[in-house]
Amino acid sequence: MTQTSRTDWHARAASLQADGRAFIAGQRVASASGETFAKHSPIDGRLLGAIARGQAADIAAAVASARAAFDDGRWSARPPAARKKVLLRFADAILAARDELALLETLDMGKPIQYALTVDVPAAARCIAWYAEAIDKVYDEIAPTGPNALALIQREAMGVVGAIVPWNYPMIMAAWKLGPALAAGNSVVLKPSEKSPLTALRLAELALAAGLPEGVLNVVPGYGHEAGEALALHMEVDAVGFTGSTRVGRKMLEYAGRSNLKRVYNELGGKSAFIVFPDFDDIARAAKTVAGAMFFNQGESCNAPSRVLVHESIADQFVELVAAQAPRYQPGDPLDVSTVMGAIVDETQLKTVLGYIESGTSEGARAIVGGRQARSDSGGFYVEPTVFDGATNQMKIAREEIFGPVMSVLRFKDEADAVAQANASAYGLQASVWSSHIDRAHRVARALKAGTVHVNQYDEDDITVPFGGYKQSGNGRDKSLHAFDKYTELKTTWLRINAG
């Protein structure tokens, strides 16, 4: 038995005292107005604490702190190798605080403690460490000009970066922004979702203890229409990295236009297609894979393969295989290390998911498994893993992002039909092609309008690979060296070399 399995997570949760104050200029502070909002756990409704209700005044203080830190060079002027050392200590501190951070994450947004421990915390630490190691290995350029000129092309830090992250992977999404932004020398104001602010606030304390100078990282919790809007409109914010809904992503672009034309990088929603051709030689593996990917994190993933396109000749068999996976993903107690699917983040999202299930039924799709609320006596918010058969692209469940454990199975006739149905979406985040024919796999992958196309697998991942989408799934890329493009400006210095 491992130490993790021996841990009494309920006892640790009962003794938890969450600090919901903002983190500005290296200190925990109450909101300027003194206002707070109550944060309840989706696991069982317990009160986790009072969270500072950040508003325009708090954002202004955080941006001023970040601007001062950037302008005086306490971080931005340090050599890349020096920034690397601090960020590596930060990554180590995240791993050292693994149990605390995992518990906060699970209580805050409802994911199973086993995944918070084994996925979220290690991934956040690896991200910070990878960008720390990368920053002193990114070279600038010399342009191939003529012999009488020298053109230097250099990356420079943006200045103050606003990072706005969602509630489904609070730590990982924060790390995807903080890693490249801080490594490049920027100062950051992080606005976590009001649904899951606790780990972001703790990360800021860990960064400070690791040697990040005061003011370089500030965290302001609050509502999107207050703190988030104020951050995106602020004239001293040079760039915004946003992950969230397409609806709010549009507002980010609007706010940039209304303010200083700041750079906006949106990583938005998805409705990813999972295409299974009849020539694939192991459809049982494909069915197991799509169930695992769809129901992981309660379906609260922007890249969840929620549109499953199956050739009509194998569709009935495939649906049976997927339905057989459902018992493994029945919701359980997130603080039990054996649980693989936890709670929906809050009551509002629960009602949204149940509303989509009702819509699917009313529009003519058939819920083969699931379709109901679960564990209602727990005081928390849980939904059964749900698989709809007979869906079409005209139905809401196949068009709109649900952000819950709801899968729609659609049928196709041939390759052209599969590609047409897959691309008939406003989104283009990820997709998957299952075929034993290498020509077909390449042909279909090239035809799909998606930022990532998986072949005969789904959601295999590495920090070295960019993440982002086409169409209304956003612009820019998180992860990989490409993320530096979001948080740096290119400067050309042109020197004329006169003849001797």
Protein backbone atom coordinates (compact mmCIF):
# COMPACT_ATOMS: atom_id res chain seq x y z
CA MET A 1 0.00 0.00 0.00
CA THR A 2 1.43 3.39 -0.98
CA GLN A 3 1.68 6.40 1.27
CA THR A 4 -0.88 8.12 -0.93
CA SER A 5 -3.43 5.35 -0.44
CA ARG A 6 -2.86 5.44 3.35
CA THR A 7 -3.53 9.17 3.53
CA ASP A 8 -6.84 10.04 5.17
CA TRP A 9 -7.85 12.77 2.73
CA HIS A 10 -11.12 13.43 4.53
CA ALA A 11 -9.26 14.16 7.76
CA ARG A 12 -6.84 16.43 5.96
CA ALA A 13 -9.73 18.20 4.25
CA ALA A 14 -11.50 18.73 7.57
CA SER A 15 -8.46 20.50 9.00
CA LEU A 16 -7.82 22.64 5.93
CA GLN A 17 -7.85 26.40 6.42
CA ALA A 18 -7.87 28.03 3.01
CA ASP A 19 -6.54 31.58 2.64
CA GLY A 20 -8.62 33.36 0.03
CA ARG A 21 -6.93 36.76 0.16
CA ALA A 22 -5.35 38.20 -2.97
CA PHE A 23 -1.58 38.20 -3.53
CA ILE A 24 -0.26 41.61 -4.54
CA ALA A 25 3.29 43.00 -4.30
CA GLY A 26 4.48 39.94 -2.43
CA GLN A 27 1.81 39.97 0.25
CA ARG A 28 -1.57 38.46 1.00
CA VAL A 29 -4.10 41.26 1.12
CA ALA A 30 -7.83 41.71 1.46
CA SER A 31 -9.71 43.22 -1.46
CA ALA A 32 -9.72 47.00 -1.57
CA SER A 33 -13.45 47.02 -0.90
CA GLY A 34 -13.21 44.41 1.82
CA GLU A 35 -15.74 42.31 -0.08
CA THR A 36 -15.48 38.53 -0.30
CA PHE A 37 -17.47 35.70 -1.77
CA ALA A 38 -18.02 32.26 -0.29
CA LYS A 39 -16.30 29.30 -1.92
CA HIS A 40 -18.05 25.96 -1.49
CA SER A 41 -16.67 22.61 -2.56
CA PRO A 42 -18.55 20.78 -5.33
CA ILE A 43 -17.74 17.51 -3.57
CA ASP A 44 -20.26 17.96 -0.78
CA GLY A 45 -21.08 21.65 -0.50
CA ARG A 46 -18.75 22.33 2.42
CA LEU A 47 -17.57 25.92 2.88
CA LEU A 48 -13.89 26.20 1.96
CA GLY A 49 -13.48 29.84 2.87
CA ALA A 50 -14.07 33.48 2.01
CA ILE A 51 -12.35 34.59 -1.20
CA ALA A 52 -11.30 38.19 -1.84
CA ARG A 53 -13.63 39.71 -4.40
CA GLY A 54 -11.11 41.43 -6.59
CA GLN A 55 -12.39 44.36 -8.64
CA ALA A 56 -10.97 47.24 -10.64
CA ALA A 57 -9.10 48.77 -7.69
CA ASP A 58 -7.39 45.48 -6.89
CA ILE A 59 -6.44 44.91 -10.51
CA ALA A 60 -5.03 48.44 -10.64
CA ALA A 61 -2.88 47.74 -7.57
CA ALA A 62 -1.67 44.42 -9.00
CA VAL A 63 -0.84 45.94 -12.39
CA ALA A 64 1.01 48.83 -10.73
CA SER A 65 3.03 46.32 -8.73
CA ALA A 66 3.80 44.28 -11.84
CA ARG A 67 4.71 47.37 -13.86
CA ALA A 68 7.08 48.66 -11.18
CA ALA A 69 8.75 45.27 -10.95
CA PHE A 70 9.20 45.09 -14.70
CA ASP A 71 10.45 48.63 -15.17
CA ASP A 72 13.07 48.52 -12.43
CA GLY A 73 14.49 45.29 -13.84
CA ARG A 74 14.39 43.24 -10.63
CA TRP A 75 13.34 40.28 -12.78
CA SER A 76 13.29 41.39 -16.40
CA ALA A 77 16.95 42.51 -16.34
CA ARG A 78 18.26 39.30 -14.83
CA PRO A 79 20.20 37.06 -17.20
CA PRO A 80 18.20 34.09 -18.49
CA ALA A 81 20.38 31.68 -16.53
CA ALA A 82 19.58 33.54 -13.31
CA ARG A 83 15.84 33.42 -14.00
CA LYS A 84 16.23 29.71 -14.71
CA LYS A 85 17.59 29.01 -11.24
CA VAL A 86 14.64 30.70 -9.55
CA LEU A 87 12.05 28.96 -11.69
CA LEU A 88 13.67 25.57 -11.10
CA ARG A 89 13.38 26.19 -7.36
CA PHE A 90 9.74 27.15 -7.95
CA ALA A 91 9.13 23.85 -9.76
CA ASP A 92 10.76 21.94 -6.92
CA ALA A 93 8.57 23.80 -4.41
CA ILE A 94 5.44 22.76 -6.31
CA LEU A 95 6.48 19.11 -6.07
CA ALA A 96 7.34 19.47 -2.39
CA ALA A 97 3.84 20.85 -1.75
CA ARG A 98 2.21 18.09 -3.80
CA ASP A 99 -0.26 16.85 -1.19
CA GLU A 100 -1.37 20.35 -0.17
CA LEU A 101 -1.86 21.53 -3.74
CA ALA A 102 -3.65 18.35 -4.79
CA LEU A 103 -6.06 18.60 -1.89
CA LEU A 104 -6.80 22.24 -2.66
CA GLU A 105 -7.41 21.37 -6.32
CA THR A 106 -9.74 18.49 -5.51
CA LEU A 107 -11.77 20.41 -2.94
CA ASP A 108 -11.93 23.48 -5.16
CA MET A 109 -13.16 21.95 -8.42
CA GLY A 110 -14.08 18.34 -7.69
CA LYS A 111 -11.54 16.25 -9.60
CA PRO A 112 -10.44 12.90 -8.11
CA ILE A 113 -7.56 13.23 -5.66
CA GLN A 114 -5.61 10.47 -7.43
CA TYR A 115 -5.41 12.58 -10.60
CA ALA A 116 -4.70 15.82 -8.79
CA LEU A 117 -1.72 14.02 -7.24
CA THR A 118 -0.44 12.14 -10.27
CA VAL A 119 -1.38 14.44 -13.15
CA ASP A 120 -2.05 18.04 -12.18
CA VAL A 121 0.72 18.76 -9.69
CA PRO A 122 3.52 16.98 -11.61
CA ALA A 123 2.40 18.54 -14.90
CA ALA A 124 2.43 22.05 -13.43
CA ALA A 125 5.90 21.53 -11.97
CA ARG A 126 7.25 20.03 -15.20
CA CYS A 127 5.92 22.97 -17.18
CA ILE A 128 7.65 25.55 -14.98
CA ALA A 129 10.87 23.53 -15.01
CA TRP A 130 10.83 23.03 -18.78
CA TYR A 131 10.51 26.74 -19.53
CA ALA A 132 13.17 27.46 -16.93
CA GLU A 133 15.54 25.12 -18.76
CA ALA A 134 14.51 26.44 -22.18
CA ILE A 135 15.00 30.15 -21.66
CA ASP A 136 18.81 30.19 -21.76
CA LYS A 137 18.78 28.02 -24.86
CA VAL A 138 16.60 30.21 -27.07
CA TYR A 139 18.83 32.11 -29.46
CA ASP A 140 18.16 35.37 -31.25
CA GLU A 141 18.81 35.81 -34.99
CA ILE A 142 20.91 37.67 -37.50
CA ALA A 143 19.07 38.32 -40.75
CA PRO A 144 20.70 37.35 -44.07
CA THR A 145 21.06 40.93 -45.27
CA GLY A 146 23.66 42.25 -47.70
CA PRO A 147 27.33 42.81 -46.76
CA ASN A 148 26.81 46.47 -45.82
CA ALA A 149 24.26 45.85 -43.07
CA LEU A 150 23.86 43.89 -39.87
CA ALA A 151 20.25 43.20 -38.79
CA LEU A 152 19.84 41.78 -35.29
CA ILE A 153 16.46 40.20 -34.44
CA GLN A 154 15.92 39.87 -30.71
CA ARG A 155 13.14 38.72 -28.44
CA GLU A 156 12.20 41.15 -25.69
CA ALA A 157 9.79 40.58 -22.81
CA MET A 158 6.35 42.14 -23.35
CA GLY A 159 6.15 43.84 -19.98
CA VAL A 160 3.01 43.15 -17.93
CA VAL A 161 1.09 40.04 -18.90
CA GLY A 162 -2.46 39.39 -17.79
CA ALA A 163 -3.17 35.66 -17.44
CA ILE A 164 -6.79 34.56 -17.12
CA VAL A 165 -7.27 30.85 -16.54
CA PRO A 166 -10.29 28.51 -16.25
CA TRP A 167 -11.53 26.21 -13.52
CA ASN A 168 -11.09 22.77 -15.10
CA TYR A 169 -7.29 22.49 -14.75
CA PRO A 170 -6.43 25.46 -12.52
CA MET A 171 -2.81 24.56 -11.78
CA ILE A 172 -1.89 23.26 -15.20
CA MET A 173 -3.47 26.18 -17.06
CA ALA A 174 -1.75 28.65 -14.72
CA ALA A 175 1.60 26.92 -15.32
CA TRP A 176 1.10 27.03 -19.09
CA LYS A 177 0.91 30.83 -18.83
CA LEU A 178 3.38 31.43 -16.02
CA GLY A 179 6.15 29.21 -17.38
CA PRO A 180 6.90 31.05 -20.64
CA ALA A 181 5.77 34.48 -19.43
CA LEU A 182 8.04 34.48 -16.37
CA ALA A 183 10.93 32.75 -18.10
CA ALA A 184 10.94 35.47 -20.77
CA GLY A 185 11.24 38.14 -18.07
CA ASN A 186 7.68 39.47 -17.88
CA SER A 187 5.72 40.37 -14.79
CA VAL A 188 2.32 38.70 -14.48
CA VAL A 189 -1.11 39.42 -13.01
CA LEU A 190 -2.95 36.11 -12.78
CA LYS A 191 -6.75 36.04 -12.53
CA PRO A 192 -7.94 32.53 -11.64
CA SER A 193 -11.53 31.48 -12.08
CA GLU A 194 -13.79 32.37 -9.18
CA LYS A 195 -14.76 28.69 -9.17
CA SER A 196 -11.20 27.49 -8.43
CA PRO A 197 -8.90 30.21 -7.02
CA LEU A 198 -7.09 28.39 -4.23
CA THR A 199 -4.12 26.74 -5.94
CA ALA A 200 -3.25 29.88 -7.91
CA LEU A 201 -2.97 31.86 -4.69
CA ARG A 202 -0.78 29.20 -3.11
CA LEU A 203 1.45 29.02 -6.19
CA ALA A 204 2.22 32.71 -5.83
CA GLU A 205 3.44 32.15 -2.27
CA LEU A 206 5.61 29.24 -3.38
CA ALA A 207 7.12 31.32 -6.18
CA LEU A 208 8.01 34.11 -3.76
CA ALA A 209 9.62 31.65 -1.36
CA ALA A 210 11.62 30.23 -4.29
CA GLY A 211 13.14 33.65 -4.96
CA LEU A 212 10.81 35.30 -7.45
CA PRO A 213 11.00 39.02 -6.57
CA GLU A 214 8.02 40.76 -5.01
CA GLY A 215 5.62 42.21 -7.55
CA VAL A 216 6.63 39.94 -10.41
CA LEU A 217 3.69 37.59 -9.85
CA ASN A 218 0.40 38.89 -8.52
CA VAL A 219 -2.85 36.92 -8.16
CA VAL A 220 -6.25 38.58 -7.97
CA PRO A 221 -9.26 36.31 -7.50
CA GLY A 222 -12.69 37.55 -8.48
CA TYR A 223 -15.47 37.36 -11.01
CA GLY A 224 -14.83 37.57 -14.72
CA HIS A 225 -17.09 40.56 -15.30
CA GLU A 226 -15.24 42.48 -12.57
CA ALA A 227 -11.61 41.44 -12.12
CA GLY A 228 -11.24 39.75 -15.51
CA GLU A 229 -12.73 42.65 -17.45
CA ALA A 230 -10.68 45.20 -15.52
CA LEU A 231 -7.49 43.28 -16.27
CA ALA A 232 -8.24 42.98 -19.99
CA LEU A 233 -9.11 46.68 -20.23
CA HIS A 234 -6.13 47.98 -18.26
CA MET A 235 -3.94 50.31 -20.30
CA GLU A 236 -0.73 49.10 -18.62
CA VAL A 237 -1.28 45.45 -19.51
CA ASP A 238 0.69 44.58 -22.64
CA ALA A 239 -0.71 41.14 -23.41
CA VAL A 240 -3.45 38.82 -22.20
CA GLY A 241 -3.23 35.05 -22.27
CA PHE A 242 -6.76 33.75 -21.87
CA THR A 243 -8.10 30.20 -21.61
CA GLY A 244 -11.85 29.79 -21.40
CA SER A 245 -15.04 29.89 -23.39
CA THR A 246 -15.36 31.21 -26.92
CA ARG A 247 -18.02 33.62 -25.68
CA VAL A 248 -15.60 35.28 -23.26
CA GLY A 249 -12.75 35.02 -25.77
CA ARG A 250 -14.71 37.37 -28.04
CA LYS A 251 -14.91 39.82 -25.15
CA MET A 252 -11.14 39.66 -24.70
CA LEU A 253 -10.70 40.85 -28.27
CA GLU A 254 -13.28 43.57 -27.71
CA TYR A 255 -11.52 44.75 -24.54
CA ALA A 256 -8.22 44.95 -26.40
CA GLY A 257 -9.84 47.14 -29.04
CA ARG A 258 -11.38 49.38 -26.39
CA SER A 259 -8.08 49.82 -24.55
CA ASN A 260 -4.52 49.78 -25.85
CA LEU A 261 -4.73 47.11 -28.58
CA LYS A 262 -2.91 44.75 -26.26
CA ARG A 263 -1.97 41.38 -27.67
CA VAL A 264 -4.67 38.79 -26.95
CA TYR A 265 -4.05 35.07 -27.16
CA ASN A 266 -7.17 32.96 -26.76
CA GLU A 267 -7.25 29.23 -26.09
CA LEU A 268 -10.97 28.55 -26.31
CA GLY A 269 -13.52 25.79 -26.58
CA GLY A 270 -13.62 22.57 -28.51
CA LYS A 271 -15.92 19.92 -29.89
CA SER A 272 -13.29 17.42 -30.95
CA ALA A 273 -14.08 14.71 -33.50
CA PHE A 274 -12.97 11.12 -32.88
CA ILE A 275 -13.20 9.25 -36.20
CA VAL A 276 -13.19 5.45 -36.35
CA PHE A 277 -12.87 3.75 -39.75
CA PRO A 278 -13.90 0.12 -40.30
CA ASP A 279 -10.40 -0.86 -41.39
CA PHE A 280 -8.99 -0.26 -37.90
CA ASP A 281 -8.05 -3.64 -36.45
CA ASP A 282 -8.83 -3.09 -32.76
CA ILE A 283 -12.04 -1.14 -32.27
CA ALA A 284 -12.23 -2.34 -28.67
CA ARG A 285 -9.10 -0.31 -27.96
CA ALA A 286 -10.59 2.68 -29.74
CA ALA A 287 -13.75 2.39 -27.64
CA LYS A 288 -11.76 2.12 -24.41
CA THR A 289 -9.62 5.10 -25.41
CA VAL A 290 -12.53 7.39 -26.25
CA ALA A 291 -14.33 6.55 -23.01
CA GLY A 292 -11.21 7.29 -20.97
CA ALA A 293 -10.55 10.56 -22.77
CA MET A 294 -14.17 11.69 -22.69
CA PHE A 295 -14.89 10.96 -19.05
CA PHE A 296 -11.53 12.04 -17.65
CA ASN A 297 -11.89 15.13 -15.47
CA GLN A 298 -15.69 14.61 -15.58
CA GLY A 299 -15.69 15.62 -19.23
CA GLU A 300 -14.59 19.11 -18.21
CA SER A 301 -11.85 19.34 -20.83
CA CYS A 302 -11.81 21.62 -23.86
CA ASN A 303 -10.27 18.85 -25.94
CA ALA A 304 -12.69 16.11 -24.82
CA PRO A 305 -13.60 13.85 -27.80
CA SER A 306 -17.30 14.58 -27.46
CA ARG A 307 -18.18 13.95 -31.14
CA VAL A 308 -17.49 10.31 -31.98
CA LEU A 309 -17.83 9.62 -35.71
CA VAL A 310 -18.06 5.91 -36.49
CA HIS A 311 -18.52 4.18 -39.82
CA GLU A 312 -22.07 2.87 -40.11
CA SER A 313 -20.90 -0.73 -40.63
CA ILE A 314 -19.32 -0.92 -37.15
CA ALA A 315 -21.34 1.71 -35.27
CA ASP A 316 -23.64 -0.67 -33.37
CA GLN A 317 -20.71 -2.77 -32.16
CA PHE A 318 -18.71 0.32 -31.25
CA VAL A 319 -21.56 1.83 -29.22
CA GLU A 320 -21.89 -1.41 -27.25
CA LEU A 321 -18.17 -1.41 -26.52
CA VAL A 322 -18.25 2.20 -25.32
CA ALA A 323 -21.34 1.58 -23.19
CA ALA A 324 -19.56 -1.33 -21.54
CA GLN A 325 -16.90 1.10 -20.31
CA ALA A 326 -19.40 3.32 -18.47
CA PRO A 327 -19.49 1.40 -15.14
CA ARG A 328 -15.81 2.17 -14.60
CA TYR A 329 -16.56 5.90 -14.72
CA GLN A 330 -19.49 6.11 -12.34
CA PRO A 331 -18.95 9.18 -10.14
CA GLY A 332 -17.47 8.54 -6.72
CA ASP A 333 -16.06 10.36 -3.73
CA PRO A 334 -13.23 12.54 -5.09
CA LEU A 335 -11.30 12.14 -1.81
CA ASP A 336 -11.19 8.36 -2.26
CA VAL A 337 -8.01 7.41 -4.14
CA SER A 338 -9.90 4.72 -6.11
CA THR A 339 -12.34 7.22 -7.66
CA VAL A 340 -11.81 7.91 -11.37
CA MET A 341 -14.62 10.44 -12.00
CA GLY A 342 -15.49 13.17 -9.54
CA ALA A 343 -17.83 16.13 -9.19
CA ILE A 344 -18.99 18.77 -11.65
CA VAL A 345 -17.51 22.10 -10.61
CA ASP A 346 -20.70 23.75 -9.27
CA GLU A 347 -24.48 23.72 -9.39
CA THR A 348 -24.62 26.09 -12.35
CA GLN A 349 -22.49 23.75 -14.45
CA LEU A 350 -24.47 20.76 -13.23
CA LYS A 351 -27.68 22.34 -14.50
CA THR A 352 -25.98 23.19 -17.80
CA VAL A 353 -24.90 19.58 -18.33
CA LEU A 354 -28.30 18.18 -17.38
CA GLY A 355 -29.91 20.72 -19.71
CA TYR A 356 -27.84 19.44 -22.63
CA ILE A 357 -28.80 15.86 -21.80
CA GLU A 358 -32.46 16.84 -21.83
CA SER A 359 -31.92 18.64 -25.14
CA GLY A 360 -30.28 15.58 -26.69
CA THR A 361 -33.24 13.41 -25.78
CA SER A 362 -35.79 15.94 -26.98
CA GLU A 363 -34.00 16.31 -30.34
CA GLY A 364 -34.12 12.57 -30.99
CA ALA A 365 -30.81 11.12 -29.81
CA ARG A 366 -30.89 8.04 -27.56
CA ALA A 367 -29.04 7.92 -24.23
CA ILE A 368 -27.59 4.41 -24.32
CA VAL A 369 -26.12 4.80 -20.83
CA GLY A 370 -26.30 7.48 -18.18
CA GLY A 371 -28.24 10.69 -18.54
CA ARG A 372 -28.98 11.32 -14.88
CA GLN A 373 -27.65 13.18 -11.88
CA ALA A 374 -25.75 10.95 -9.44
CA ARG A 375 -24.88 11.02 -5.73
CA SER A 376 -27.50 13.69 -5.07
CA ASP A 377 -27.52 12.79 -1.37
CA SER A 378 -23.86 13.83 -1.07
CA GLY A 379 -24.58 17.54 -1.22
CA GLY A 380 -22.31 17.76 -4.26
CA PHE A 381 -22.78 17.84 -8.02
CA TYR A 382 -22.35 14.63 -10.01
CA VAL A 383 -23.49 13.36 -13.41
CA GLU A 384 -23.42 9.82 -14.76
CA PRO A 385 -21.22 9.12 -17.80
CA THR A 386 -23.60 9.55 -20.70
CA VAL A 387 -23.43 8.17 -24.25
CA PHE A 388 -25.88 9.33 -26.91
CA ASP A 389 -26.38 7.32 -30.08
CA GLY A 390 -28.13 8.58 -33.19
CA ALA A 391 -26.84 12.13 -32.87
CA THR A 392 -26.45 14.47 -35.82
CA ASN A 393 -24.48 17.66 -36.34
CA GLN A 394 -27.72 19.63 -36.23
CA MET A 395 -28.30 18.75 -32.55
CA LYS A 396 -27.10 21.01 -29.76
CA ILE A 397 -25.27 18.13 -28.08
CA ALA A 398 -23.14 17.73 -31.21
CA ARG A 399 -22.66 21.44 -31.95
CA GLU A 400 -22.07 23.09 -28.60
CA GLU A 401 -19.43 22.54 -25.96
CA ILE A 402 -21.05 20.86 -22.96
CA PHE A 403 -18.11 20.59 -20.53
CA GLY A 404 -19.48 17.50 -18.87
CA PRO A 405 -19.37 13.69 -19.29
CA VAL A 406 -21.62 13.58 -22.37
CA MET A 407 -20.55 11.81 -25.57
CA SER A 408 -22.43 11.95 -28.89
CA VAL A 409 -22.02 9.16 -31.45
CA LEU A 410 -22.59 10.10 -35.09
CA ARG A 411 -22.43 7.75 -38.09
CA PHE A 412 -20.75 8.30 -41.44
CA LYS A 413 -20.85 6.55 -44.82
CA ASP A 414 -17.39 7.05 -46.25
CA GLU A 415 -14.18 9.01 -45.84
CA ALA A 416 -15.49 12.17 -47.47
CA ASP A 417 -18.58 12.09 -45.26
CA ALA A 418 -16.42 11.64 -42.14
CA VAL A 419 -14.24 14.63 -42.99
CA ALA A 420 -17.25 16.78 -43.88
CA GLN A 421 -19.01 15.98 -40.59
CA ALA A 422 -15.85 16.44 -38.55
CA ASN A 423 -15.17 19.86 -40.07
CA ALA A 424 -18.80 20.99 -39.77
CA SER A 425 -18.07 22.64 -36.44
CA ALA A 426 -17.29 26.14 -35.26
CA TYR A 427 -14.42 24.64 -33.29
CA GLY A 428 -11.09 23.17 -34.36
CA LEU A 429 -9.09 22.24 -31.30
CA GLN A 430 -8.28 18.55 -31.64
CA ALA A 431 -9.35 15.45 -33.56
CA SER A 432 -8.46 11.79 -33.82
CA VAL A 433 -8.28 9.34 -36.74
CA TRP A 434 -8.40 5.57 -36.25
CA SER A 435 -7.33 3.61 -39.32
CA SER A 436 -4.89 0.81 -40.11
CA HIS A 437 -4.17 2.36 -43.52
CA ILE A 438 -1.31 4.84 -43.30
CA ASP A 439 -2.38 6.66 -46.47
CA ARG A 440 -5.88 7.21 -45.10
CA ALA A 441 -4.55 8.35 -41.75
CA HIS A 442 -2.35 11.00 -43.39
CA ARG A 443 -5.01 12.00 -45.91
CA VAL A 444 -7.70 12.53 -43.30
CA ALA A 445 -5.33 14.21 -40.82
CA ARG A 446 -4.40 16.77 -43.48
CA ALA A 447 -8.06 17.40 -44.31
CA LEU A 448 -9.17 18.03 -40.73
CA LYS A 449 -9.29 21.64 -39.51
CA ALA A 450 -7.82 21.11 -36.06
CA GLY A 451 -4.75 22.23 -34.17
CA THR A 452 -3.81 18.67 -33.20
CA VAL A 453 -4.79 15.44 -34.95
CA HIS A 454 -4.11 12.21 -33.06
CA VAL A 455 -3.70 8.99 -35.03
CA ASN A 456 -4.72 5.67 -33.46
CA GLN A 457 -4.53 7.22 -29.99
CA TYR A 458 -5.99 10.22 -28.20
CA ASP A 459 -4.57 12.92 -25.98
CA GLU A 460 -1.02 11.66 -25.77
CA ASP A 461 0.81 14.74 -24.68
CA ASP A 462 4.12 16.40 -23.90
CA ILE A 463 5.19 19.90 -22.89
CA THR A 464 7.36 20.03 -26.04
CA VAL A 465 4.27 19.95 -28.29
CA PRO A 466 2.12 23.06 -28.93
CA PHE A 467 -1.51 23.12 -27.81
CA GLY A 468 -4.14 25.26 -29.50
CA GLY A 469 -6.71 25.27 -32.24
CA TYR A 470 -8.20 26.52 -35.47
CA LYS A 471 -11.36 28.56 -36.03
CA GLN A 472 -13.28 29.49 -32.87
CA SER A 473 -11.00 27.36 -30.72
CA GLY A 474 -8.71 30.37 -30.61
CA ASN A 475 -5.28 31.57 -31.68
CA GLY A 476 -1.76 31.25 -30.41
CA ARG A 477 -0.31 28.15 -28.79
CA ASP A 478 0.34 27.08 -25.24
CA LYS A 479 3.25 24.75 -24.47
CA SER A 480 6.44 24.18 -26.49
CA LEU A 481 8.85 26.89 -27.60
CA HIS A 482 6.01 28.43 -29.64
CA ALA A 483 4.53 29.78 -26.40
CA PHE A 484 7.37 32.31 -26.22
CA ASP A 485 5.82 33.95 -29.28
CA LYS A 486 2.91 35.05 -27.08
CA TYR A 487 4.97 36.69 -24.38
CA THR A 488 7.78 38.36 -26.31
CA GLU A 489 8.11 41.10 -28.90
CA LEU A 490 10.50 40.90 -31.83
CA LYS A 491 12.86 43.84 -32.16
CA THR A 492 15.09 44.45 -35.16
CA THR A 493 18.23 46.51 -34.75
CA TRP A 494 19.62 47.55 -38.12
CA LEU A 495 23.25 48.58 -38.37
CA ARG A 496 24.79 50.10 -41.51
CA ILE A 497 28.36 48.96 -42.11
CA ASN A 498 30.22 51.60 -44.11
CA ALA A 499 33.07 50.76 -46.39
CA GLY A 500 36.50 51.32 -44.91
